[in-house]
Amino acid sequence: MKDWKKYRAVKKYGIIEDYVERFGLTSFNNDLPALLSFFYVNGQVVVDSIRVPIWASMLDPRIHVFWIQPTRTGKTIAWEFISEVLEASGVETVGYASTTDAGLIGTVYEEKDGNDTLVITKEGALGGKKALNFDEGSVLLQGDKKAHSNETILYLQQAMNPIGSKSNILTKPMAKGTVETQSSASLWITTYPPQGVKDIVLTKGLFQRVLLFVVHWDDDDRKEVSLRRMSGAFKNVMGGAISTEDLAAHFLEVKDRCMSRMLELAEVTREEWDQMTRYEQFDVAELVRYEMFSTDREWDATLQDCVDEFYGLLVGLPQNMKELVASFMPNIENHLILFATHLALTEGVWEVRGEHLEMSLEIIYDLYSNLISWLETDVEMGQARKKKLATIASWKNAYEACAKVDLGDKYGDGWVSKTKLFKQYMKREEITQSSTYNRYKVSSDWFKETKSGKIQYVKWVGEQ
């Protein structure tokens, strides 16, 4: 990745440089997530006022981030800084760990009021206007039905649909009635690289809607951060760093400027706005979407150049990888336009210029180049992946059919006789003992092995 200070947007707008530098005093060596979080904050701050028209549809200004990085590398503490800026900017922040339907979209319950029974709807975490942090995003990817339903990812995708659209309304029938939730939440999701994340990238639409940043840390990266962190003990290392209050003052100014322009264009007073329902406010923002911004004479040509650059990412990729990366293109294009809009707002202008597109291209191109590198090295594609998944299922099914043995305090339960496992596998796959041994050689990483007396035991651990 490019040194963050070399991005043209950072060089041009001092507030972005100040923001990333201040972020870096809290979460070390996470400069690109810091840069993304600037747009994330700005998107939620102006969520009431900004709609970007694209043909018959529109985009809202929210930026959703999914950050995958090893444990203990600054993801959680980064949210401490982001949430502090957000709250000082008048934005509600919520940290969320559970993923039950009721917790996400709300619930309906009854309450007695004398002789009357009241039906009350309680809004879930995705409801309304807020910055929502999933600090353990791996929970979303595990597929553990005891922890959450299959619909969790669907609800998140719906929450990210354009504000004001019907597809942005989350509904779920429940025993006491139907919950209907509108979401204006911005999602900030972080996780270590969990088992199963590869399959989600390949099969679900969640990652095609967020800004996905994946990064590996090695021992040198950790040591560098450790040395820097320890060097700040008992010292005032803040220097002339900008305060979170000053950063919030910038975002509040942007928010007020957008609100004033929207209300002026719509010929609505602030008092009238405050008395409107949430959906009436959506209508006002949508009403003035064509007048809110203009573009310069360089916009169309620059936009075409940007699209050419993005499709250049596909050159040289194998067909199956090309199809996967191409599925990200609408998301890439949407974020290009949104980043350009946020840069215009940062500058304090209502003309979104070709220059803003070029500055956005630098950041987003690097982000997705990094994503493609990860996909090429870490994600198994096509028939090879399907074959591996089928092999995993075969061994797991054979294991589940065997009687489990408890080997005591040292090893615990869940063990099966290796001989009985092989017999089950041979029977199910209708192959010889020799073939079973050969297949086990390439599948042994999915099992733990131990010996008790003269008997060999194995225990299923799955794909790591």
Protein backbone atom coordinates (compact mmCIF):
# COMPACT_ATOMS: atom_id res chain seq x y z
CA MET A 1 0.00 0.00 0.00
CA LYS A 2 1.08 3.57 -0.68
CA ASP A 3 2.34 5.74 2.16
CA TRP A 4 -0.84 7.49 3.31
CA LYS A 5 0.79 10.92 3.26
CA LYS A 6 1.34 10.60 -0.50
CA TYR A 7 -2.36 10.51 -1.32
CA ARG A 8 -3.41 13.75 -3.01
CA ALA A 9 -6.46 14.07 -0.77
CA VAL A 10 -4.24 14.03 2.31
CA LYS A 11 -1.88 16.60 0.80
CA LYS A 12 -4.72 18.92 -0.22
CA TYR A 13 -6.91 18.82 2.88
CA GLY A 14 -5.09 19.47 6.14
CA ILE A 15 -8.04 18.27 8.20
CA ILE A 16 -7.64 14.75 6.75
CA GLU A 17 -3.93 14.70 7.59
CA ASP A 18 -4.69 15.98 11.10
CA TYR A 19 -7.36 13.31 11.53
CA VAL A 20 -5.15 10.39 10.41
CA GLU A 21 -2.21 11.58 12.52
CA ARG A 22 -4.43 11.84 15.59
CA PHE A 23 -5.89 8.38 14.88
CA GLY A 24 -2.32 7.08 14.74
CA LEU A 25 -1.65 8.18 18.32
CA THR A 26 -4.35 5.76 19.46
CA SER A 27 -4.07 2.87 16.99
CA PHE A 28 -0.57 2.38 15.60
CA ASN A 29 0.35 1.55 11.98
CA ASN A 30 -3.27 1.42 10.83
CA ASP A 31 -3.13 4.38 8.49
CA LEU A 32 -5.48 3.15 5.76
CA PRO A 33 -8.28 2.20 8.20
CA ALA A 34 -7.71 5.65 9.73
CA LEU A 35 -8.23 7.25 6.33
CA LEU A 36 -11.34 5.16 5.67
CA SER A 37 -12.74 6.13 9.07
CA PHE A 38 -12.60 9.82 8.09
CA PHE A 39 -15.07 9.11 5.29
CA TYR A 40 -17.04 6.81 7.60
CA VAL A 41 -17.52 9.61 10.15
CA ASN A 42 -18.37 12.20 7.52
CA GLY A 43 -20.92 9.87 5.94
CA GLN A 44 -22.87 9.43 9.16
CA VAL A 45 -22.62 13.11 10.08
CA VAL A 46 -24.38 14.22 6.85
CA VAL A 47 -26.75 11.24 6.60
CA ASP A 48 -29.87 13.45 6.91
CA SER A 49 -29.01 15.85 4.12
CA ILE A 50 -27.17 14.14 1.29
CA ARG A 51 -28.59 11.94 -1.45
CA VAL A 52 -26.61 11.32 -4.65
CA PRO A 53 -28.80 10.64 -7.69
CA ILE A 54 -27.76 7.93 -10.16
CA TRP A 55 -30.30 7.54 -12.94
CA ALA A 56 -33.57 6.41 -11.35
CA SER A 57 -31.96 5.43 -8.04
CA MET A 58 -29.73 7.18 -5.51
CA LEU A 59 -26.96 6.68 -2.99
CA ASP A 60 -26.96 7.89 0.57
CA PRO A 61 -23.65 9.19 2.02
CA ARG A 62 -22.91 6.33 4.42
CA ILE A 63 -19.63 4.42 4.21
CA HIS A 64 -19.62 0.89 5.68
CA VAL A 65 -16.25 -0.65 6.56
CA PHE A 66 -15.30 -4.31 7.14
CA TRP A 67 -11.74 -4.52 8.47
CA ILE A 68 -10.11 -7.97 8.71
CA GLN A 69 -6.81 -8.06 10.58
CA PRO A 70 -5.14 -10.33 13.16
CA THR A 71 -6.01 -10.08 16.85
CA ARG A 72 -4.37 -7.46 19.07
CA THR A 73 -3.30 -5.14 16.27
CA GLY A 74 -5.27 -2.01 17.16
CA LYS A 75 -8.77 -2.63 15.76
CA THR A 76 -10.70 -2.31 19.02
CA ILE A 77 -8.84 0.72 20.33
CA ALA A 78 -9.32 2.40 16.96
CA TRP A 79 -13.06 2.40 17.61
CA GLU A 80 -12.44 4.18 20.91
CA PHE A 81 -11.03 7.11 18.95
CA ILE A 82 -13.63 6.99 16.15
CA SER A 83 -16.54 6.85 18.60
CA GLU A 84 -15.12 9.77 20.59
CA VAL A 85 -15.06 11.93 17.45
CA LEU A 86 -18.54 10.76 16.44
CA GLU A 87 -20.09 11.48 19.82
CA ALA A 88 -18.51 14.92 19.93
CA SER A 89 -20.07 15.44 16.47
CA GLY A 90 -23.53 14.62 17.82
CA VAL A 91 -23.71 11.05 16.48
CA GLU A 92 -24.95 8.17 18.62
CA THR A 93 -22.53 5.25 18.77
CA VAL A 94 -23.39 1.68 19.68
CA GLY A 95 -21.11 -1.28 20.21
CA TYR A 96 -22.80 -4.56 19.40
CA ALA A 97 -21.75 -8.16 20.01
CA SER A 98 -24.95 -10.26 19.83
CA THR A 99 -26.57 -11.07 16.50
CA THR A 100 -30.05 -12.22 17.40
CA ASP A 101 -32.87 -11.07 15.16
CA ALA A 102 -34.50 -9.22 18.04
CA GLY A 103 -31.24 -7.49 18.91
CA LEU A 104 -30.66 -6.40 15.33
CA ILE A 105 -34.07 -5.35 14.03
CA GLY A 106 -36.17 -5.12 17.19
CA THR A 107 -38.95 -7.03 18.87
CA VAL A 108 -42.63 -6.78 19.72
CA TYR A 109 -43.94 -7.46 23.20
CA GLU A 110 -47.09 -6.91 25.22
CA GLU A 111 -47.41 -4.86 28.39
CA LYS A 112 -50.39 -4.56 30.69
CA ASP A 113 -51.86 -1.11 31.35
CA GLY A 114 -54.69 -1.72 33.78
CA ASN A 115 -57.28 -3.73 31.84
CA ASP A 116 -55.67 -2.88 28.52
CA THR A 117 -52.88 -4.77 26.78
CA LEU A 118 -50.42 -2.58 24.93
CA VAL A 119 -48.40 -3.91 22.00
CA ILE A 120 -44.97 -2.24 22.13
CA THR A 121 -42.27 -2.30 19.46
CA LYS A 122 -38.69 -2.00 20.63
CA GLU A 123 -36.21 -0.87 17.97
CA GLY A 124 -33.12 -3.00 17.39
CA ALA A 125 -29.49 -1.99 16.94
CA LEU A 126 -29.87 -1.52 13.17
CA GLY A 127 -32.81 0.82 13.62
CA GLY A 128 -32.51 4.58 13.29
CA LYS A 129 -29.52 6.85 12.87
CA LYS A 130 -26.25 5.81 14.55
CA ALA A 131 -22.72 4.51 14.11
CA LEU A 132 -22.81 0.79 14.83
CA ASN A 133 -19.67 -1.16 15.70
CA PHE A 134 -19.38 -4.93 15.45
CA ASP A 135 -16.07 -5.46 17.25
CA GLU A 136 -16.20 -9.23 16.80
CA GLY A 137 -17.35 -9.44 13.20
CA SER A 138 -16.37 -13.10 13.10
CA VAL A 139 -19.70 -13.82 14.81
CA LEU A 140 -21.39 -12.71 11.60
CA LEU A 141 -19.44 -15.23 9.55
CA GLN A 142 -19.49 -18.37 11.64
CA GLY A 143 -22.89 -19.66 10.58
CA ASP A 144 -23.57 -20.86 14.14
CA LYS A 145 -27.36 -21.11 14.27
CA LYS A 146 -27.27 -21.17 18.05
CA ALA A 147 -25.79 -17.68 18.03
CA HIS A 148 -27.86 -16.13 15.27
CA SER A 149 -30.21 -16.99 12.45
CA ASN A 150 -29.39 -17.39 8.78
CA GLU A 151 -31.01 -14.03 8.16
CA THR A 152 -28.39 -11.96 9.99
CA ILE A 153 -26.32 -11.17 6.90
CA LEU A 154 -29.48 -10.45 4.93
CA TYR A 155 -30.52 -7.87 7.54
CA LEU A 156 -27.11 -6.21 7.36
CA GLN A 157 -27.36 -6.05 3.56
CA GLN A 158 -30.81 -4.50 3.78
CA ALA A 159 -29.57 -1.97 6.33
CA MET A 160 -26.97 -0.84 3.79
CA ASN A 161 -29.52 -0.29 1.01
CA PRO A 162 -30.21 3.39 0.15
CA ILE A 163 -32.00 5.29 2.89
CA GLY A 164 -35.57 6.04 1.89
CA SER A 165 -35.88 3.03 -0.39
CA LYS A 166 -38.29 0.18 0.35
CA SER A 167 -35.37 -2.25 0.38
CA ASN A 168 -33.94 -0.36 3.37
CA ILE A 169 -36.89 -1.41 5.55
CA LEU A 170 -36.20 -4.53 7.65
CA THR A 171 -39.25 -6.60 8.53
CA LYS A 172 -39.74 -9.76 10.56
CA PRO A 173 -42.99 -11.42 11.66
CA MET A 174 -42.95 -12.30 15.35
CA ALA A 175 -45.42 -13.90 17.74
CA LYS A 176 -46.83 -10.57 18.96
CA GLY A 177 -46.73 -8.78 15.60
CA THR A 178 -44.45 -7.73 12.75
CA VAL A 179 -41.36 -5.64 13.43
CA GLU A 180 -40.61 -3.02 10.79
CA THR A 181 -37.27 -1.20 11.14
CA GLN A 182 -35.71 1.52 9.01
CA SER A 183 -31.93 1.74 9.20
CA SER A 184 -29.76 4.81 8.82
CA ALA A 185 -26.89 3.14 10.66
CA SER A 186 -23.31 3.16 9.43
CA LEU A 187 -21.56 -0.19 10.02
CA TRP A 188 -17.97 -0.45 11.26
CA ILE A 189 -17.15 -4.17 11.43
CA THR A 190 -13.80 -5.58 12.55
CA THR A 191 -12.56 -9.13 13.00
CA TYR A 192 -9.51 -11.34 13.04
CA PRO A 193 -9.33 -13.57 9.91
CA PRO A 194 -11.90 -16.21 10.97
CA GLN A 195 -12.46 -19.70 9.67
CA GLY A 196 -15.10 -19.51 6.95
CA VAL A 197 -14.41 -15.92 5.84
CA LYS A 198 -13.26 -17.16 2.43
CA ASP A 199 -16.54 -18.91 1.75
CA ILE A 200 -18.52 -15.82 2.74
CA VAL A 201 -16.53 -13.70 0.27
CA LEU A 202 -17.29 -16.21 -2.46
CA THR A 203 -20.97 -16.81 -1.74
CA LYS A 204 -22.53 -13.83 0.09
CA GLY A 205 -23.30 -10.29 -1.02
CA LEU A 206 -22.17 -8.70 2.25
CA PHE A 207 -18.61 -8.00 1.09
CA GLN A 208 -19.85 -6.53 -2.20
CA ARG A 209 -21.52 -3.73 -0.22
CA VAL A 210 -18.84 -2.71 2.27
CA LEU A 211 -15.36 -1.28 1.96
CA LEU A 212 -13.39 -4.44 2.64
CA PHE A 213 -9.85 -4.04 3.95
CA VAL A 214 -7.80 -7.17 4.63
CA VAL A 215 -4.25 -7.00 5.96
CA HIS A 216 -1.71 -9.46 7.35
CA TRP A 217 0.63 -8.65 10.23
CA ASP A 218 3.86 -10.53 10.79
CA ASP A 219 6.19 -10.56 13.80
CA ASP A 220 8.11 -7.54 12.49
CA ASP A 221 4.90 -5.50 12.29
CA ARG A 222 3.98 -6.43 15.84
CA LYS A 223 7.47 -5.67 17.14
CA GLU A 224 7.47 -2.26 15.46
CA VAL A 225 4.19 -1.38 17.13
CA SER A 226 5.35 -2.74 20.48
CA LEU A 227 8.47 -0.58 20.42
CA ARG A 228 6.48 2.51 19.52
CA ARG A 229 3.82 1.86 22.12
CA MET A 230 6.29 1.24 24.93
CA SER A 231 8.30 4.34 24.02
CA GLY A 232 5.32 6.50 25.02
CA ALA A 233 5.12 5.33 28.62
CA PHE A 234 5.26 8.21 31.18
CA LYS A 235 5.79 10.76 28.38
CA ASN A 236 3.65 13.49 26.92
CA VAL A 237 3.77 12.37 23.30
CA MET A 238 0.70 14.24 22.08
CA GLY A 239 2.71 17.24 20.94
CA GLY A 240 0.67 19.54 18.72
CA ALA A 241 -1.81 16.83 17.71
CA ILE A 242 -5.29 18.10 17.00
CA SER A 243 -7.90 17.37 19.68
CA THR A 244 -10.97 15.24 19.10
CA GLU A 245 -13.06 18.34 19.91
CA ASP A 246 -11.42 20.28 17.08
CA LEU A 247 -11.95 17.37 14.70
CA ALA A 248 -15.60 17.23 15.74
CA ALA A 249 -15.90 20.98 15.14
CA HIS A 250 -14.98 20.35 11.49
CA PHE A 251 -17.60 17.62 11.09
CA LEU A 252 -20.25 19.74 12.83
CA GLU A 253 -19.51 22.59 10.43
CA VAL A 254 -19.95 20.25 7.46
CA LYS A 255 -23.20 18.94 8.95
CA ASP A 256 -24.62 22.43 9.51
CA ARG A 257 -23.60 23.57 6.05
CA CYS A 258 -25.34 20.59 4.40
CA MET A 259 -28.47 20.96 6.50
CA SER A 260 -28.76 24.68 5.76
CA ARG A 261 -28.37 24.17 2.02
CA MET A 262 -30.90 21.32 1.90
CA LEU A 263 -33.51 23.29 3.87
CA GLU A 264 -32.96 26.41 1.77
CA LEU A 265 -33.36 24.48 -1.49
CA ALA A 266 -36.48 22.72 -0.18
CA GLU A 267 -37.90 25.96 1.26
CA VAL A 268 -38.37 24.28 4.63
CA THR A 269 -37.66 25.97 7.97
CA ARG A 270 -35.68 24.27 10.70
CA GLU A 271 -38.76 24.26 12.92
CA GLU A 272 -40.77 22.50 10.21
CA TRP A 273 -37.96 19.99 9.74
CA ASP A 274 -37.82 19.19 13.45
CA GLN A 275 -41.56 18.44 13.48
CA MET A 276 -41.39 16.04 10.51
CA THR A 277 -41.42 12.28 10.78
CA ARG A 278 -38.31 10.36 9.79
CA TYR A 279 -39.87 9.43 6.44
CA GLU A 280 -40.95 13.01 5.68
CA GLN A 281 -37.34 14.08 6.26
CA PHE A 282 -36.20 11.43 3.80
CA ASP A 283 -38.56 12.93 1.22
CA VAL A 284 -37.05 16.39 1.69
CA ALA A 285 -33.49 15.14 1.14
CA GLU A 286 -34.60 13.22 -1.94
CA LEU A 287 -36.54 16.20 -3.28
CA VAL A 288 -33.44 18.42 -3.59
CA ARG A 289 -30.95 15.75 -4.64
CA TYR A 290 -30.51 17.17 -8.16
CA GLU A 291 -29.92 20.72 -6.93
CA MET A 292 -27.62 19.94 -4.01
CA PHE A 293 -24.49 19.45 -6.15
CA SER A 294 -23.17 20.24 -9.60
CA THR A 295 -20.21 18.77 -11.50
CA ASP A 296 -17.47 20.48 -13.48
CA ARG A 297 -16.54 20.14 -17.15
CA GLU A 298 -13.90 17.50 -16.33
CA TRP A 299 -16.29 15.20 -14.49
CA ASP A 300 -17.51 12.95 -17.33
CA ALA A 301 -14.09 12.40 -18.90
CA THR A 302 -12.46 11.74 -15.52
CA LEU A 303 -15.22 9.34 -14.56
CA GLN A 304 -14.62 7.34 -17.73
CA ASP A 305 -10.88 7.24 -17.01
CA CYS A 306 -11.59 5.96 -13.50
CA VAL A 307 -13.81 3.17 -14.81
CA ASP A 308 -11.05 2.19 -17.26
CA GLU A 309 -8.59 2.05 -14.36
CA PHE A 310 -10.89 -0.16 -12.32
CA TYR A 311 -11.48 -2.61 -15.16
CA GLY A 312 -7.74 -2.73 -15.64
CA LEU A 313 -7.71 -4.61 -12.36
CA LEU A 314 -9.29 -7.55 -14.18
CA VAL A 315 -6.54 -7.85 -16.79
CA GLY A 316 -4.54 -11.05 -16.45
CA LEU A 317 -6.81 -12.66 -13.87
CA PRO A 318 -8.09 -16.21 -14.46
CA GLN A 319 -11.75 -16.31 -15.50
CA ASN A 320 -13.12 -17.52 -12.16
CA MET A 321 -11.19 -14.82 -10.27
CA LYS A 322 -12.20 -12.22 -12.85
CA GLU A 323 -15.89 -12.98 -12.28
CA LEU A 324 -15.48 -12.61 -8.51
CA VAL A 325 -13.62 -9.29 -8.74
CA ALA A 326 -16.14 -8.02 -11.32
CA SER A 327 -18.90 -8.58 -8.76
CA PHE A 328 -17.27 -5.84 -6.66
CA MET A 329 -17.39 -3.27 -9.49
CA PRO A 330 -20.74 -1.61 -8.66
CA ASN A 331 -19.53 -1.18 -5.08
CA ILE A 332 -16.20 0.25 -6.24
CA GLU A 333 -17.98 2.72 -8.53
CA ASN A 334 -20.43 3.78 -5.80
CA HIS A 335 -17.62 4.44 -3.34
CA LEU A 336 -15.69 6.41 -5.96
CA ILE A 337 -18.62 8.80 -6.29
CA LEU A 338 -19.25 8.94 -2.54
CA PHE A 339 -15.59 9.63 -1.72
CA ALA A 340 -15.55 12.43 -4.31
CA THR A 341 -18.70 13.88 -2.73
CA HIS A 342 -17.17 13.73 0.74
CA LEU A 343 -14.01 15.46 -0.50
CA ALA A 344 -16.15 18.27 -1.95
CA LEU A 345 -17.92 18.57 1.42
CA THR A 346 -14.55 18.60 3.18
CA GLU A 347 -13.47 21.44 0.91
CA GLY A 348 -16.76 23.25 1.52
CA VAL A 349 -17.92 23.40 -2.12
CA TRP A 350 -21.05 22.21 -3.90
CA GLU A 351 -19.31 21.48 -7.20
CA VAL A 352 -17.93 17.95 -7.30
CA ARG A 353 -14.98 18.11 -9.65
CA GLY A 354 -12.98 15.68 -11.73
CA GLU A 355 -10.14 16.42 -9.34
CA HIS A 356 -12.19 14.96 -6.50
CA LEU A 357 -12.68 11.78 -8.54
CA GLU A 358 -8.94 11.49 -9.19
CA MET A 359 -8.13 11.85 -5.49
CA SER A 360 -10.76 9.24 -4.63
CA LEU A 361 -9.46 6.88 -7.31
CA GLU A 362 -6.02 6.77 -5.68
CA ILE A 363 -7.42 5.50 -2.40
CA ILE A 364 -10.06 3.11 -3.71
CA TYR A 365 -7.79 1.63 -6.40
CA ASP A 366 -5.18 0.78 -3.77
CA LEU A 367 -7.85 -0.68 -1.50
CA TYR A 368 -9.14 -3.05 -4.17
CA SER A 369 -5.69 -3.92 -5.51
CA ASN A 370 -4.92 -5.08 -1.99
CA LEU A 371 -8.18 -7.05 -1.93
CA ILE A 372 -7.34 -8.80 -5.20
CA SER A 373 -3.92 -9.75 -3.88
CA TRP A 374 -5.60 -11.32 -0.86
CA LEU A 375 -8.10 -13.16 -3.03
CA GLU A 376 -5.36 -14.48 -5.30
CA THR A 377 -3.22 -15.79 -2.45
CA ASP A 378 -5.76 -16.80 0.19
CA VAL A 379 -9.00 -17.78 -1.54
CA GLU A 380 -9.36 -21.09 -3.33
CA MET A 381 -11.54 -20.74 -6.37
CA GLY A 382 -14.03 -22.65 -8.48
CA GLN A 383 -14.01 -26.42 -8.82
CA ALA A 384 -10.91 -26.87 -6.63
CA ARG A 385 -12.69 -25.22 -3.72
CA LYS A 386 -15.87 -27.20 -4.29
CA LYS A 387 -13.89 -30.44 -4.37
CA LYS A 388 -12.14 -29.57 -1.11
CA LEU A 389 -15.43 -28.70 0.60
CA ALA A 390 -16.90 -32.02 -0.52
CA THR A 391 -13.88 -33.87 0.89
CA ILE A 392 -14.19 -32.05 4.21
CA ALA A 393 -17.89 -32.97 4.37
CA SER A 394 -17.11 -36.64 3.68
CA TRP A 395 -14.60 -36.92 6.52
CA LYS A 396 -16.78 -34.94 8.92
CA ASN A 397 -19.82 -37.14 8.18
CA ALA A 398 -17.75 -40.29 8.75
CA TYR A 399 -16.49 -38.84 12.05
CA GLU A 400 -20.01 -37.90 13.21
CA ALA A 401 -21.17 -41.48 12.58
CA CYS A 402 -18.58 -42.88 15.01
CA ALA A 403 -19.08 -43.36 18.77
CA LYS A 404 -17.29 -40.62 20.73
CA VAL A 405 -14.86 -41.42 23.55
CA ASP A 406 -13.86 -39.30 26.55
CA LEU A 407 -10.09 -39.59 27.18
CA GLY A 408 -10.17 -37.86 30.54
CA ASP A 409 -9.09 -34.47 31.87
CA LYS A 410 -5.94 -34.24 29.78
CA TYR A 411 -7.55 -34.75 26.37
CA GLY A 412 -11.29 -34.32 26.93
CA ASP A 413 -14.09 -35.92 24.94
CA GLY A 414 -15.02 -36.07 21.26
CA TRP A 415 -12.41 -38.67 20.26
CA VAL A 416 -13.10 -41.59 17.93
CA SER A 417 -11.11 -44.69 17.08
CA LYS A 418 -9.03 -44.03 13.99
CA THR A 419 -9.70 -47.58 12.78
CA LYS A 420 -13.48 -47.10 13.12
CA LEU A 421 -13.27 -43.74 11.37
CA PHE A 422 -11.53 -45.39 8.42
CA LYS A 423 -14.14 -48.14 8.28
CA GLN A 424 -16.94 -45.58 8.20
CA TYR A 425 -15.18 -43.59 5.49
CA MET A 426 -14.48 -46.70 3.36
CA LYS A 427 -18.11 -47.76 3.64
CA ARG A 428 -19.53 -44.33 2.77
CA GLU A 429 -17.15 -43.60 -0.11
CA GLU A 430 -17.09 -47.20 -1.36
CA ILE A 431 -13.29 -47.23 -1.70
CA THR A 432 -10.47 -49.56 -0.60
CA GLN A 433 -8.48 -49.35 2.61
CA SER A 434 -5.41 -48.25 0.65
CA SER A 435 -7.30 -45.36 -0.97
CA THR A 436 -8.68 -44.34 2.42
CA TYR A 437 -5.17 -44.13 3.89
CA ASN A 438 -4.00 -42.05 0.92
CA ARG A 439 -6.92 -39.64 1.26
CA TYR A 440 -6.32 -39.29 4.98
CA LYS A 441 -2.72 -38.21 4.34
CA VAL A 442 -3.96 -35.03 2.62
CA SER A 443 -6.83 -34.55 5.09
CA SER A 444 -5.07 -35.15 8.40
CA ASP A 445 -4.85 -31.42 9.19
CA TRP A 446 -8.58 -31.52 9.89
CA PHE A 447 -8.04 -33.90 12.81
CA LYS A 448 -6.14 -33.99 16.09
CA GLU A 449 -4.46 -37.28 16.85
CA THR A 450 -3.49 -39.03 20.09
CA LYS A 451 -2.95 -42.53 21.45
CA SER A 452 -4.40 -44.21 24.53
CA GLY A 453 -2.83 -47.57 25.24
CA LYS A 454 -2.52 -49.30 21.91
CA ILE A 455 -5.50 -47.53 20.31
CA GLN A 456 -5.06 -44.51 18.04
CA TYR A 457 -7.75 -41.82 18.35
CA VAL A 458 -8.64 -38.80 16.23
CA LYS A 459 -10.79 -35.74 16.90
CA TRP A 460 -12.37 -33.47 14.27
CA VAL A 461 -11.15 -29.86 14.24
CA GLY A 462 -12.12 -28.87 10.70
CA GLU A 463 -10.51 -26.40 8.31
CA GLN A 464 -8.21 -23.95 10.07
